[in-house]
Structure formats: C-alpha cells, structure tokens
N, C-alpha and C. Protein backbone atom coordinates (compact mmCIF):
# COMPACT_ATOMS: atom_id res chain seq x y z
N MET A 1 28.04 -8.92 -11.79
CA MET A 1 27.06 -8.64 -12.81
C MET A 1 27.06 -9.79 -13.82
N THR A 2 25.89 -10.16 -14.25
CA THR A 2 25.79 -11.27 -15.19
C THR A 2 25.63 -10.74 -16.61
N ASN A 3 26.06 -11.53 -17.55
CA ASN A 3 25.92 -11.19 -18.96
C ASN A 3 24.71 -11.89 -19.52
N LYS A 4 24.19 -11.36 -20.60
CA LYS A 4 23.07 -11.99 -21.27
C LYS A 4 23.55 -13.28 -21.95
N PRO A 5 22.71 -14.29 -21.99
CA PRO A 5 23.11 -15.50 -22.71
C PRO A 5 23.12 -15.23 -24.21
N THR A 6 24.06 -15.87 -24.88
CA THR A 6 24.14 -15.73 -26.32
C THR A 6 23.95 -17.08 -26.98
N LEU A 7 23.35 -17.05 -28.15
CA LEU A 7 23.13 -18.28 -28.89
C LEU A 7 24.39 -18.63 -29.68
N LYS A 8 24.68 -19.89 -29.72
CA LYS A 8 25.83 -20.36 -30.48
C LYS A 8 25.40 -20.48 -31.95
N ARG A 9 26.08 -19.81 -32.83
CA ARG A 9 25.67 -19.76 -34.24
C ARG A 9 26.38 -20.79 -35.10
N ASP A 10 27.52 -21.29 -34.70
CA ASP A 10 28.28 -22.24 -35.52
C ASP A 10 27.95 -23.68 -35.11
N LEU A 11 26.71 -24.10 -35.36
CA LEU A 11 26.24 -25.42 -34.97
C LEU A 11 26.63 -26.46 -36.02
N ASP A 12 26.80 -27.70 -35.56
CA ASP A 12 27.13 -28.80 -36.45
C ASP A 12 25.83 -29.47 -36.87
N ALA A 13 25.43 -29.29 -38.13
CA ALA A 13 24.17 -29.83 -38.63
C ALA A 13 24.21 -31.35 -38.71
N LEU A 14 25.37 -31.93 -38.94
CA LEU A 14 25.48 -33.38 -39.07
C LEU A 14 25.11 -34.08 -37.76
N ALA A 15 25.56 -33.55 -36.64
CA ALA A 15 25.23 -34.14 -35.34
C ALA A 15 23.73 -34.04 -35.08
N GLY A 16 23.13 -32.93 -35.45
CA GLY A 16 21.68 -32.77 -35.27
C GLY A 16 20.89 -33.74 -36.14
N LEU A 17 21.30 -33.91 -37.37
CA LEU A 17 20.62 -34.85 -38.27
C LEU A 17 20.79 -36.30 -37.79
N ALA A 18 21.97 -36.63 -37.26
CA ALA A 18 22.19 -37.98 -36.74
C ALA A 18 21.30 -38.23 -35.53
N ALA A 19 21.15 -37.24 -34.66
CA ALA A 19 20.28 -37.38 -33.49
C ALA A 19 18.83 -37.53 -33.93
N LEU A 20 18.41 -36.76 -34.91
CA LEU A 20 17.04 -36.86 -35.42
C LEU A 20 16.79 -38.22 -36.05
N ALA A 21 17.75 -38.72 -36.83
CA ALA A 21 17.61 -40.05 -37.45
C ALA A 21 17.53 -41.14 -36.38
N LEU A 22 18.35 -41.04 -35.35
CA LEU A 22 18.30 -42.01 -34.26
C LEU A 22 16.95 -41.97 -33.56
N PHE A 23 16.41 -40.77 -33.35
CA PHE A 23 15.10 -40.63 -32.73
C PHE A 23 14.02 -41.28 -33.57
N VAL A 24 14.06 -41.08 -34.88
CA VAL A 24 13.06 -41.66 -35.77
C VAL A 24 13.16 -43.19 -35.75
N VAL A 25 14.37 -43.73 -35.82
CA VAL A 25 14.54 -45.18 -35.82
C VAL A 25 14.04 -45.78 -34.49
N MET A 26 14.43 -45.18 -33.39
CA MET A 26 13.99 -45.71 -32.09
C MET A 26 12.48 -45.57 -31.92
N GLY A 27 11.91 -44.47 -32.41
CA GLY A 27 10.46 -44.31 -32.35
C GLY A 27 9.74 -45.38 -33.15
N ALA A 28 10.26 -45.68 -34.34
CA ALA A 28 9.64 -46.72 -35.17
C ALA A 28 9.74 -48.09 -34.49
N VAL A 29 10.86 -48.36 -33.85
CA VAL A 29 11.03 -49.65 -33.16
C VAL A 29 10.06 -49.76 -31.99
N PHE A 30 9.94 -48.70 -31.20
CA PHE A 30 9.07 -48.75 -30.03
C PHE A 30 7.60 -48.80 -30.41
N VAL A 31 7.22 -48.08 -31.44
CA VAL A 31 5.81 -48.08 -31.86
C VAL A 31 5.45 -49.43 -32.49
N GLY A 32 6.38 -50.03 -33.21
CA GLY A 32 6.09 -51.29 -33.88
C GLY A 32 6.31 -52.53 -33.03
N ALA A 33 6.76 -52.37 -31.80
CA ALA A 33 7.03 -53.53 -30.94
C ALA A 33 5.73 -54.17 -30.48
N THR A 34 5.74 -55.48 -30.44
CA THR A 34 4.56 -56.20 -29.93
C THR A 34 4.97 -57.01 -28.70
N PHE A 35 4.06 -57.12 -27.79
CA PHE A 35 4.31 -57.85 -26.56
C PHE A 35 3.27 -58.95 -26.43
N GLY A 36 3.68 -60.04 -25.82
CA GLY A 36 2.76 -61.14 -25.58
C GLY A 36 1.83 -60.82 -24.41
N GLN A 37 0.96 -61.74 -24.13
CA GLN A 37 0.05 -61.57 -23.01
C GLN A 37 0.84 -61.59 -21.70
N PRO A 38 0.53 -60.69 -20.79
CA PRO A 38 1.24 -60.69 -19.51
C PRO A 38 0.86 -61.92 -18.69
N GLU A 39 1.87 -62.47 -18.06
CA GLU A 39 1.64 -63.63 -17.21
C GLU A 39 2.06 -63.28 -15.80
N GLY A 40 1.28 -63.71 -14.85
CA GLY A 40 1.60 -63.43 -13.46
C GLY A 40 2.11 -64.68 -12.77
N PHE A 41 2.38 -64.56 -11.50
CA PHE A 41 2.80 -65.69 -10.69
C PHE A 41 1.59 -66.29 -10.00
N GLU A 42 1.73 -67.51 -9.58
CA GLU A 42 0.64 -68.17 -8.88
C GLU A 42 0.36 -67.45 -7.57
N ALA A 43 -0.86 -67.58 -7.09
CA ALA A 43 -1.24 -66.92 -5.84
C ALA A 43 -0.48 -67.57 -4.67
N GLY A 44 -0.03 -66.76 -3.75
CA GLY A 44 0.65 -67.26 -2.56
C GLY A 44 2.13 -67.54 -2.74
N ILE A 45 2.71 -67.18 -3.90
CA ILE A 45 4.13 -67.43 -4.15
C ILE A 45 4.93 -66.20 -3.73
N SER A 46 6.04 -66.42 -3.06
CA SER A 46 6.90 -65.32 -2.62
C SER A 46 8.03 -65.11 -3.62
N ILE A 47 7.96 -64.01 -4.34
CA ILE A 47 9.00 -63.68 -5.31
C ILE A 47 10.29 -63.29 -4.58
N THR A 48 10.13 -62.61 -3.45
CA THR A 48 11.30 -62.19 -2.67
C THR A 48 12.09 -63.40 -2.20
N ALA A 49 11.41 -64.43 -1.76
CA ALA A 49 12.11 -65.65 -1.33
C ALA A 49 12.84 -66.29 -2.50
N GLY A 50 12.24 -66.25 -3.69
CA GLY A 50 12.90 -66.81 -4.88
C GLY A 50 14.18 -66.07 -5.20
N ILE A 51 14.17 -64.74 -5.08
CA ILE A 51 15.38 -63.96 -5.33
C ILE A 51 16.44 -64.29 -4.28
N GLY A 52 16.01 -64.39 -3.01
CA GLY A 52 16.96 -64.71 -1.94
C GLY A 52 17.59 -66.08 -2.12
N TYR A 53 16.79 -67.07 -2.48
CA TYR A 53 17.33 -68.42 -2.70
C TYR A 53 18.29 -68.43 -3.88
N SER A 54 17.98 -67.64 -4.92
CA SER A 54 18.87 -67.57 -6.09
C SER A 54 20.19 -66.90 -5.74
N MET A 55 20.14 -65.88 -4.87
CA MET A 55 21.38 -65.18 -4.50
C MET A 55 22.35 -66.10 -3.78
N PHE A 56 21.81 -67.01 -2.97
CA PHE A 56 22.67 -67.92 -2.22
C PHE A 56 22.77 -69.29 -2.88
N ASN A 57 22.26 -69.40 -4.13
CA ASN A 57 22.36 -70.62 -4.92
C ASN A 57 21.76 -71.82 -4.19
N ILE A 58 20.62 -71.61 -3.56
CA ILE A 58 19.91 -72.68 -2.86
C ILE A 58 18.87 -73.25 -3.82
N THR A 59 18.91 -74.54 -4.03
CA THR A 59 17.93 -75.19 -4.91
C THR A 59 17.20 -76.25 -4.12
N GLY A 60 16.11 -76.67 -4.64
CA GLY A 60 15.34 -77.72 -3.98
C GLY A 60 13.86 -77.51 -4.19
N GLU A 61 13.08 -78.31 -3.49
CA GLU A 61 11.63 -78.24 -3.66
C GLU A 61 11.03 -77.00 -3.01
N PHE A 62 11.71 -76.40 -2.04
CA PHE A 62 11.14 -75.27 -1.33
C PHE A 62 11.35 -73.94 -2.04
N VAL A 63 11.99 -73.93 -3.21
CA VAL A 63 12.19 -72.68 -3.95
C VAL A 63 10.88 -72.36 -4.66
N PRO A 64 10.21 -71.25 -4.26
CA PRO A 64 8.90 -70.96 -4.84
C PRO A 64 8.93 -70.50 -6.29
N VAL A 65 9.95 -69.72 -6.67
CA VAL A 65 10.05 -69.18 -8.03
C VAL A 65 11.50 -69.26 -8.44
N GLU A 66 11.75 -69.70 -9.67
CA GLU A 66 13.11 -69.66 -10.19
C GLU A 66 13.46 -68.20 -10.40
N GLY A 67 14.36 -67.68 -9.63
CA GLY A 67 14.63 -66.25 -9.62
C GLY A 67 15.85 -65.82 -10.38
N GLU A 68 16.39 -66.65 -11.27
CA GLU A 68 17.61 -66.26 -11.98
C GLU A 68 17.39 -65.01 -12.82
N GLY A 69 16.28 -64.94 -13.55
CA GLY A 69 15.99 -63.75 -14.34
C GLY A 69 15.71 -62.54 -13.46
N LEU A 70 15.02 -62.77 -12.36
CA LEU A 70 14.74 -61.69 -11.43
C LEU A 70 16.00 -61.22 -10.73
N LEU A 71 16.93 -62.14 -10.52
CA LEU A 71 18.17 -61.80 -9.82
C LEU A 71 19.00 -60.81 -10.63
N ALA A 72 19.07 -61.00 -11.94
CA ALA A 72 19.84 -60.08 -12.79
C ALA A 72 19.27 -58.67 -12.70
N ALA A 73 17.95 -58.55 -12.80
CA ALA A 73 17.32 -57.23 -12.70
C ALA A 73 17.54 -56.62 -11.32
N PHE A 74 17.43 -57.43 -10.28
CA PHE A 74 17.64 -56.97 -8.91
C PHE A 74 19.05 -56.41 -8.73
N LEU A 75 20.05 -57.12 -9.24
CA LEU A 75 21.44 -56.68 -9.09
C LEU A 75 21.74 -55.43 -9.92
N ILE A 76 21.17 -55.34 -11.11
CA ILE A 76 21.37 -54.15 -11.93
C ILE A 76 20.76 -52.93 -11.26
N ILE A 77 19.57 -53.07 -10.71
CA ILE A 77 18.93 -51.96 -9.99
C ILE A 77 19.76 -51.58 -8.78
N ALA A 78 20.31 -52.55 -8.07
CA ALA A 78 21.13 -52.26 -6.90
C ALA A 78 22.38 -51.48 -7.29
N LEU A 79 23.02 -51.85 -8.40
CA LEU A 79 24.21 -51.14 -8.85
C LEU A 79 23.89 -49.71 -9.28
N VAL A 80 22.78 -49.52 -9.97
CA VAL A 80 22.39 -48.18 -10.41
C VAL A 80 22.08 -47.30 -9.21
N LEU A 81 21.36 -47.82 -8.22
CA LEU A 81 21.06 -47.04 -7.03
C LEU A 81 22.32 -46.71 -6.24
N ASP A 82 23.26 -47.65 -6.19
CA ASP A 82 24.52 -47.39 -5.50
C ASP A 82 25.30 -46.28 -6.21
N ALA A 83 25.34 -46.31 -7.54
CA ALA A 83 26.04 -45.27 -8.29
C ALA A 83 25.36 -43.91 -8.08
N ALA A 84 24.03 -43.89 -8.02
CA ALA A 84 23.32 -42.63 -7.78
C ALA A 84 23.62 -42.09 -6.39
N LEU A 85 23.70 -42.97 -5.42
CA LEU A 85 24.01 -42.53 -4.05
C LEU A 85 25.42 -41.97 -3.98
N GLU A 86 26.37 -42.64 -4.59
CA GLU A 86 27.75 -42.15 -4.59
C GLU A 86 27.85 -40.80 -5.31
N GLY A 87 27.14 -40.67 -6.42
CA GLY A 87 27.15 -39.41 -7.15
C GLY A 87 26.55 -38.27 -6.34
N SER A 88 25.46 -38.54 -5.63
CA SER A 88 24.84 -37.49 -4.83
C SER A 88 25.74 -37.07 -3.68
N ILE A 89 26.46 -38.01 -3.09
CA ILE A 89 27.39 -37.67 -2.02
C ILE A 89 28.53 -36.81 -2.57
N MET A 90 29.04 -37.18 -3.75
CA MET A 90 30.12 -36.41 -4.35
C MET A 90 29.67 -34.99 -4.65
N LEU A 91 28.46 -34.83 -5.21
CA LEU A 91 27.96 -33.50 -5.51
C LEU A 91 27.70 -32.68 -4.26
N ALA A 92 27.20 -33.32 -3.21
CA ALA A 92 26.95 -32.61 -1.96
C ALA A 92 28.26 -32.11 -1.35
N ARG A 93 29.29 -32.92 -1.40
CA ARG A 93 30.59 -32.49 -0.87
C ARG A 93 31.16 -31.34 -1.69
N ARG A 94 31.01 -31.41 -3.00
CA ARG A 94 31.52 -30.35 -3.86
C ARG A 94 30.78 -29.04 -3.57
N ASP A 95 29.45 -29.09 -3.39
CA ASP A 95 28.68 -27.90 -3.06
C ASP A 95 29.11 -27.32 -1.72
N ARG A 96 29.30 -28.19 -0.74
CA ARG A 96 29.70 -27.73 0.59
C ARG A 96 31.08 -27.06 0.53
N ASP A 97 32.01 -27.67 -0.21
CA ASP A 97 33.35 -27.09 -0.33
C ASP A 97 33.32 -25.74 -1.04
N SER A 98 32.51 -25.61 -2.09
CA SER A 98 32.43 -24.33 -2.80
C SER A 98 31.77 -23.27 -1.95
N GLU A 99 30.78 -23.65 -1.12
CA GLU A 99 30.15 -22.68 -0.23
C GLU A 99 31.14 -22.20 0.82
N GLN A 100 31.96 -23.11 1.33
CA GLN A 100 32.95 -22.71 2.33
C GLN A 100 33.99 -21.79 1.71
N THR A 101 34.40 -22.08 0.48
CA THR A 101 35.38 -21.24 -0.20
C THR A 101 34.80 -19.85 -0.44
N THR A 102 33.54 -19.80 -0.88
CA THR A 102 32.90 -18.52 -1.14
C THR A 102 32.76 -17.70 0.14
N SER A 103 32.38 -18.35 1.23
CA SER A 103 32.24 -17.61 2.49
C SER A 103 33.60 -17.11 2.98
N ARG A 104 34.67 -17.90 2.78
CA ARG A 104 36.02 -17.46 3.16
C ARG A 104 36.46 -16.26 2.32
N GLU A 105 36.14 -16.28 1.03
CA GLU A 105 36.50 -15.16 0.17
C GLU A 105 35.76 -13.90 0.58
N ARG A 106 34.50 -14.05 0.99
CA ARG A 106 33.74 -12.88 1.45
C ARG A 106 34.35 -12.30 2.74
N GLN A 107 34.76 -13.20 3.63
CA GLN A 107 35.33 -12.73 4.89
C GLN A 107 36.67 -12.04 4.67
N ASN A 108 37.45 -12.53 3.71
CA ASN A 108 38.77 -11.95 3.45
C ASN A 108 38.72 -10.83 2.44
N GLY A 109 37.57 -10.53 1.93
CA GLY A 109 37.46 -9.46 0.96
C GLY A 109 37.99 -9.83 -0.41
N GLY A 110 38.07 -11.13 -0.69
CA GLY A 110 38.54 -11.59 -2.00
C GLY A 110 40.05 -11.61 -2.14
N ASN A 111 40.78 -11.43 -1.04
CA ASN A 111 42.25 -11.40 -1.09
C ASN A 111 42.86 -12.73 -0.73
N ASP A 112 42.13 -13.81 -0.80
CA ASP A 112 42.63 -15.12 -0.40
C ASP A 112 43.38 -15.82 -1.48
C-alpha cells in the first residue's frame, strides 16, 4: 500500500532566493548578449576532413579547414555521449538486477 505524498514544510528560504537570483542574473546575461553576423564556410569545403586532419595533426596545403576549434567541440561531444552511454548501461543493469531480486522474492514468498 502506498502513502500519500506530503509536502516538506521546513524549507530553506536562502537556497531558494539564491537560485532565483542566479536565474535573474543568467537571464539578464542571455537577453543582453549580442552576436556578430554568422559566417559560413566556402562552398565545396569538407569540414569533416578538417577535423580528421586536425586529429592526426596533419598540416599542409590540402587541409580544407583549420579544425582546431572544431576539434575541441567534437571531442567534448564525444566525451559527453560516452558518459551518457555508460550511465545508461549502469542504469539498465541496476534495473535488471532489481527485477531479478523482486521476482526471486515473489517466488520465495519474501523469505529470502
């Protein structure tokens, strides 16, 4: 049987005010930010090749785009996706283990 949820009455007002102040400051920064005109790459340039050449530190005339800035973003995205994959595997294993434990408890009548 489940119980009704109860509201926590002893809240810390200072933490709430700090969060609200941070929200206001970040909102003001984002609303007031200005960006320059967007610039694209020349037609027919391979950005993927530029990232690949940067990863292997290949320089020369055949490098279509200097990919050092793109390489940092590429590696950060790769690390974040890897962490998400590892986390999902960990959660899936934990769910599977808890389901097996629950089914064993049902079979044993809770005497395990």
